[in-house]
Amino acid sequence: MRKIDPRLGFLGLLIVGICMGCRPEGADDIPQELLAAINEFYAAVEAGDGETRIELFGDEAVMMPNHWTRVEGKEAIAEVIRSGSGWVFKIRDREVIDLDADDDLAYTVNSYDYTYHAEGTQPQWHRTKNVHIWKRDATGHWKLHVDIWNSDVPMDQFQSE
């Protein structure tokens, strides 16, 4: 049985704080290495660089996509990302709703438009939001540990490409 990291309780308190509309103390003390990893992730999305995105996930990462089943582990996430060959994934108008870090655990809450469409076709933009949980690994690098997103479009109006 997998042991749950006790720091995730801290994360739960942070999420409750977000829901109550307060910004946790220390939010201005974000490690530059974390900001660099976040920027690298979104630059890789923009560039269509799946391999860089994969490298930014931790070995035990979890991806929880909108309207899909949970994906566990870096290798399984890599398969999902690589299976998108022939498709374009882009994000625009990203707004950071909240961001905080404590020692080797951090989170970001974002809102943005995304498209996931076949190459050569017109993009169809959808408003969505995500929560990313980042963990610093044993080598000191920030890795994406949990990637959760869901659409603002009601299910009965959602059209998959």
C-alpha atoms as a PDB file:
ATOM      1  CA  MET A   1       0.000   0.000   0.000  1.00  0.00           C
ATOM      2  CA  ARG A   2       1.316   3.446  -0.925  1.00  0.00           C
ATOM      3  CA  LYS A   3       2.011   5.829   1.918  1.00  0.00           C
ATOM      4  CA  ILE A   4       0.406   9.251   1.476  1.00  0.00           C
ATOM      5  CA  ASP A   5       2.742  12.187   1.920  1.00  0.00           C
ATOM      6  CA  PRO A   6       1.690  14.069   5.107  1.00  0.00           C
ATOM      7  CA  ARG A   7       2.427  17.375   3.373  1.00  0.00           C
ATOM      8  CA  LEU A   8      -0.686  16.796   1.263  1.00  0.00           C
ATOM      9  CA  GLY A   9      -2.656  17.729   4.407  1.00  0.00           C
ATOM     10  CA  PHE A  10      -0.938  21.098   4.204  1.00  0.00           C
ATOM     11  CA  LEU A  11      -2.037  21.310   0.587  1.00  0.00           C
ATOM     12  CA  GLY A  12      -5.634  20.636   1.633  1.00  0.00           C
ATOM     13  CA  LEU A  13      -5.483  23.582   4.022  1.00  0.00           C
ATOM     14  CA  LEU A  14      -4.150  25.764   1.232  1.00  0.00           C
ATOM     15  CA  ILE A  15      -6.977  24.722  -1.077  1.00  0.00           C
ATOM     16  CA  VAL A  16      -9.530  25.515   1.643  1.00  0.00           C
ATOM     17  CA  GLY A  17      -7.888  28.930   1.930  1.00  0.00           C
ATOM     18  CA  ILE A  18      -8.299  29.455  -1.799  1.00  0.00           C
ATOM     19  CA  CYS A  19     -11.950  28.488  -1.631  1.00  0.00           C
ATOM     20  CA  MET A  20     -12.477  31.011   1.156  1.00  0.00           C
ATOM     21  CA  GLY A  21     -10.944  33.743  -0.991  1.00  0.00           C
ATOM     22  CA  CYS A  22      -7.826  34.312   1.099  1.00  0.00           C
ATOM     23  CA  ARG A  23      -4.284  34.169  -0.126  1.00  0.00           C
ATOM     24  CA  PRO A  24      -1.997  32.096   2.125  1.00  0.00           C
ATOM     25  CA  GLU A  25       0.880  33.856   3.858  1.00  0.00           C
ATOM     26  CA  GLY A  26       4.228  33.661   2.109  1.00  0.00           C
ATOM     27  CA  ALA A  27       2.751  33.624  -1.397  1.00  0.00           C
ATOM     28  CA  ASP A  28       5.260  36.255  -2.449  1.00  0.00           C
ATOM     29  CA  ASP A  29       8.209  34.014  -1.532  1.00  0.00           C
ATOM     30  CA  ILE A  30       8.024  31.706  -4.547  1.00  0.00           C
ATOM     31  CA  PRO A  31      11.323  29.944  -5.368  1.00  0.00           C
ATOM     32  CA  GLN A  32      12.784  31.079  -8.676  1.00  0.00           C
ATOM     33  CA  GLU A  33      13.452  27.435  -9.596  1.00  0.00           C
ATOM     34  CA  LEU A  34       9.732  26.701  -9.282  1.00  0.00           C
ATOM     35  CA  LEU A  35       8.804  29.696 -11.437  1.00  0.00           C
ATOM     36  CA  ALA A  36      11.346  28.529 -14.024  1.00  0.00           C
ATOM     37  CA  ALA A  37       9.806  25.015 -14.094  1.00  0.00           C
ATOM     38  CA  ILE A  38       6.293  26.455 -14.466  1.00  0.00           C
ATOM     39  CA  ASN A  39       7.426  28.754 -17.280  1.00  0.00           C
ATOM     40  CA  GLU A  40       9.233  25.856 -18.962  1.00  0.00           C
ATOM     41  CA  PHE A  41       6.051  23.753 -18.810  1.00  0.00           C
ATOM     42  CA  TYR A  42       3.895  26.396 -20.501  1.00  0.00           C
ATOM     43  CA  ALA A  43       6.620  27.223 -23.041  1.00  0.00           C
ATOM     44  CA  ALA A  44       6.730  23.509 -23.940  1.00  0.00           C
ATOM     45  CA  VAL A  45       2.936  23.496 -24.413  1.00  0.00           C
ATOM     46  CA  GLU A  46       3.195  26.541 -26.681  1.00  0.00           C
ATOM     47  CA  ALA A  47       6.027  24.973 -28.689  1.00  0.00           C
ATOM     48  CA  GLY A  48       4.285  21.599 -28.981  1.00  0.00           C
ATOM     49  CA  ASP A  49       7.262  20.045 -27.178  1.00  0.00           C
ATOM     50  CA  GLY A  50       5.791  16.935 -25.554  1.00  0.00           C
ATOM     51  CA  GLU A  51       9.164  15.531 -24.480  1.00  0.00           C
ATOM     52  CA  THR A  52       9.946  18.586 -22.349  1.00  0.00           C
ATOM     53  CA  ARG A  53       6.463  18.400 -20.826  1.00  0.00           C
ATOM     54  CA  ILE A  54       7.057  14.732 -19.992  1.00  0.00           C
ATOM     55  CA  GLU A  55      10.396  15.514 -18.319  1.00  0.00           C
ATOM     56  CA  LEU A  56       8.682  18.046 -16.062  1.00  0.00           C
ATOM     57  CA  PHE A  57       6.473  15.350 -14.512  1.00  0.00           C
ATOM     58  CA  GLY A  58       7.668  13.434 -11.459  1.00  0.00           C
ATOM     59  CA  ASP A  59       7.983   9.648 -11.608  1.00  0.00           C
ATOM     60  CA  GLU A  60       4.848   9.111  -9.502  1.00  0.00           C
ATOM     61  CA  ALA A  61       2.811  11.942 -11.046  1.00  0.00           C
ATOM     62  CA  VAL A  62      -0.941  11.748 -11.506  1.00  0.00           C
ATOM     63  CA  MET A  63      -2.856  13.317 -14.384  1.00  0.00           C
ATOM     64  CA  MET A  64      -6.607  13.797 -13.998  1.00  0.00           C
ATOM     65  CA  PRO A  65      -7.903  14.967 -17.396  1.00  0.00           C
ATOM     66  CA  ASN A  66     -11.336  16.375 -18.053  1.00  0.00           C
ATOM     67  CA  HIS A  67     -13.761  13.611 -19.182  1.00  0.00           C
ATOM     68  CA  TRP A  68     -11.021  10.916 -19.018  1.00  0.00           C
ATOM     69  CA  THR A  69      -9.857   8.408 -16.466  1.00  0.00           C
ATOM     70  CA  ARG A  70      -6.989   9.064 -14.065  1.00  0.00           C
ATOM     71  CA  VAL A  71      -3.475   8.432 -15.446  1.00  0.00           C
ATOM     72  CA  GLU A  72      -0.819   7.369 -12.915  1.00  0.00           C
ATOM     73  CA  GLY A  73       2.959   7.474 -13.293  1.00  0.00           C
ATOM     74  CA  LYS A  74       5.307   9.354 -15.576  1.00  0.00           C
ATOM     75  CA  GLU A  75       5.479   6.548 -18.148  1.00  0.00           C
ATOM     76  CA  ALA A  76       1.680   6.355 -18.489  1.00  0.00           C
ATOM     77  CA  ILE A  77       1.506  10.159 -18.766  1.00  0.00           C
ATOM     78  CA  ALA A  78       4.220  10.015 -21.438  1.00  0.00           C
ATOM     79  CA  GLU A  79       2.086   7.571 -23.425  1.00  0.00           C
ATOM     80  CA  VAL A  80      -0.879   9.970 -23.260  1.00  0.00           C
ATOM     81  CA  ILE A  81       1.214  12.939 -24.376  1.00  0.00           C
ATOM     82  CA  ARG A  82       2.921  11.001 -27.154  1.00  0.00           C
ATOM     83  CA  SER A  83      -0.408   9.635 -28.406  1.00  0.00           C
ATOM     84  CA  GLY A  84      -1.327  13.194 -29.369  1.00  0.00           C
ATOM     85  CA  SER A  85       0.783  13.026 -32.538  1.00  0.00           C
ATOM     86  CA  GLY A  86      -1.100  14.783 -35.336  1.00  0.00           C
ATOM     87  CA  TRP A  87      -2.974  16.966 -32.864  1.00  0.00           C
ATOM     88  CA  VAL A  88      -2.298  20.521 -31.710  1.00  0.00           C
ATOM     89  CA  PHE A  89      -2.574  21.440 -28.027  1.00  0.00           C
ATOM     90  CA  LYS A  90      -2.306  25.173 -27.273  1.00  0.00           C
ATOM     91  CA  ILE A  91      -3.175  27.455 -24.388  1.00  0.00           C
ATOM     92  CA  ARG A  92      -3.924  31.174 -24.513  1.00  0.00           C
ATOM     93  CA  ASP A  93      -4.884  33.915 -22.065  1.00  0.00           C
ATOM     94  CA  ARG A  94      -3.605  32.044 -19.015  1.00  0.00           C
ATOM     95  CA  GLU A  95      -4.385  33.782 -15.740  1.00  0.00           C
ATOM     96  CA  VAL A  96      -2.685  32.646 -12.551  1.00  0.00           C
ATOM     97  CA  ILE A  97      -5.444  32.612  -9.946  1.00  0.00           C
ATOM     98  CA  ASP A  98      -3.220  31.510  -7.081  1.00  0.00           C
ATOM     99  CA  LEU A  99       0.301  30.243  -6.502  1.00  0.00           C
ATOM    100  CA  ASP A 100       2.074  29.270  -3.316  1.00  0.00           C
ATOM    101  CA  ALA A 101       4.995  27.147  -2.149  1.00  0.00           C
ATOM    102  CA  ASP A 102       6.304  25.779   1.127  1.00  0.00           C
ATOM    103  CA  ASP A 103       9.643  23.967   1.271  1.00  0.00           C
ATOM    104  CA  ASP A 104       9.309  21.274  -1.416  1.00  0.00           C
ATOM    105  CA  LEU A 105       5.564  21.392  -2.143  1.00  0.00           C
ATOM    106  CA  ALA A 106       3.729  24.020  -4.217  1.00  0.00           C
ATOM    107  CA  TYR A 107       0.535  24.570  -6.135  1.00  0.00           C
ATOM    108  CA  THR A 108      -0.769  26.736  -8.950  1.00  0.00           C
ATOM    109  CA  VAL A 109      -4.362  27.456  -9.889  1.00  0.00           C
ATOM    110  CA  ASN A 110      -4.851  28.705 -13.463  1.00  0.00           C
ATOM    111  CA  SER A 111      -7.653  29.729 -15.795  1.00  0.00           C
ATOM    112  CA  TYR A 112      -7.135  29.752 -19.579  1.00  0.00           C
ATOM    113  CA  ASP A 113      -8.467  28.929 -23.034  1.00  0.00           C
ATOM    114  CA  TYR A 114      -7.196  25.766 -24.703  1.00  0.00           C
ATOM    115  CA  THR A 115      -7.552  24.025 -28.029  1.00  0.00           C
ATOM    116  CA  TYR A 116      -6.854  20.417 -28.889  1.00  0.00           C
ATOM    117  CA  HIS A 117      -7.501  19.990 -32.571  1.00  0.00           C
ATOM    118  CA  ALA A 118      -6.210  17.948 -35.503  1.00  0.00           C
ATOM    119  CA  GLU A 119      -3.297  19.489 -37.383  1.00  0.00           C
ATOM    120  CA  GLY A 120      -4.520  21.442 -40.373  1.00  0.00           C
ATOM    121  CA  THR A 121      -7.937  22.204 -38.881  1.00  0.00           C
ATOM    122  CA  GLN A 122      -9.168  25.375 -37.225  1.00  0.00           C
ATOM    123  CA  PRO A 123      -8.741  25.602 -33.463  1.00  0.00           C
ATOM    124  CA  GLN A 124     -11.816  25.424 -31.266  1.00  0.00           C
ATOM    125  CA  TRP A 125     -11.070  27.290 -28.050  1.00  0.00           C
ATOM    126  CA  HIS A 126     -12.581  26.187 -24.743  1.00  0.00           C
ATOM    127  CA  ARG A 127     -12.402  27.985 -21.403  1.00  0.00           C
ATOM    128  CA  THR A 128     -10.980  25.776 -18.663  1.00  0.00           C
ATOM    129  CA  LYS A 129      -9.051  25.790 -15.408  1.00  0.00           C
ATOM    130  CA  ASN A 130      -6.463  23.630 -13.715  1.00  0.00           C
ATOM    131  CA  VAL A 131      -4.704  22.890 -10.464  1.00  0.00           C
ATOM    132  CA  HIS A 132      -1.069  21.808 -10.561  1.00  0.00           C
ATOM    133  CA  ILE A 133       0.713  20.423  -7.534  1.00  0.00           C
ATOM    134  CA  TRP A 134       4.484  20.626  -7.783  1.00  0.00           C
ATOM    135  CA  LYS A 135       7.004  18.684  -5.671  1.00  0.00           C
ATOM    136  CA  ARG A 136      10.728  19.215  -5.376  1.00  0.00           C
ATOM    137  CA  ASP A 137      12.452  15.883  -6.060  1.00  0.00           C
ATOM    138  CA  ALA A 138      15.506  14.444  -4.303  1.00  0.00           C
ATOM    139  CA  THR A 139      17.802  16.296  -6.736  1.00  0.00           C
ATOM    140  CA  GLY A 140      16.157  19.644  -5.911  1.00  0.00           C
ATOM    141  CA  HIS A 141      14.259  20.002  -9.195  1.00  0.00           C
ATOM    142  CA  TRP A 142      10.581  20.979  -9.215  1.00  0.00           C
ATOM    143  CA  LYS A 143       8.406  18.356 -10.900  1.00  0.00           C
ATOM    144  CA  LEU A 144       4.716  18.362 -11.694  1.00  0.00           C
ATOM    145  CA  HIS A 145       3.156  15.855  -9.291  1.00  0.00           C
ATOM    146  CA  VAL A 146      -0.585  16.315  -9.899  1.00  0.00           C
ATOM    147  CA  ASP A 147      -2.189  17.787 -13.029  1.00  0.00           C
ATOM    148  CA  ILE A 148      -5.970  18.262 -12.753  1.00  0.00           C
ATOM    149  CA  TRP A 149      -8.113  20.193 -15.206  1.00  0.00           C
ATOM    150  CA  ASN A 150     -11.702  20.583 -16.237  1.00  0.00           C
ATOM    151  CA  SER A 151     -13.649  22.626 -18.727  1.00  0.00           C
ATOM    152  CA  ASP A 152     -15.929  25.561 -18.012  1.00  0.00           C
ATOM    153  CA  VAL A 153     -18.146  24.283 -20.841  1.00  0.00           C
ATOM    154  CA  PRO A 154     -21.140  22.273 -19.543  1.00  0.00           C
ATOM    155  CA  MET A 155     -20.945  18.610 -20.556  1.00  0.00           C
ATOM    156  CA  ASP A 156     -24.102  18.845 -22.688  1.00  0.00           C
ATOM    157  CA  GLN A 157     -22.464  21.626 -24.743  1.00  0.00           C
ATOM    158  CA  PHE A 158     -19.021  20.022 -25.030  1.00  0.00           C
ATOM    159  CA  GLN A 159     -18.012  18.787 -28.477  1.00  0.00           C
ATOM    160  CA  SER A 160     -14.890  16.686 -28.730  1.00  0.00           C
ATOM    161  CA  GLU A 161     -12.832  17.098 -31.846  1.00  0.00           C
END
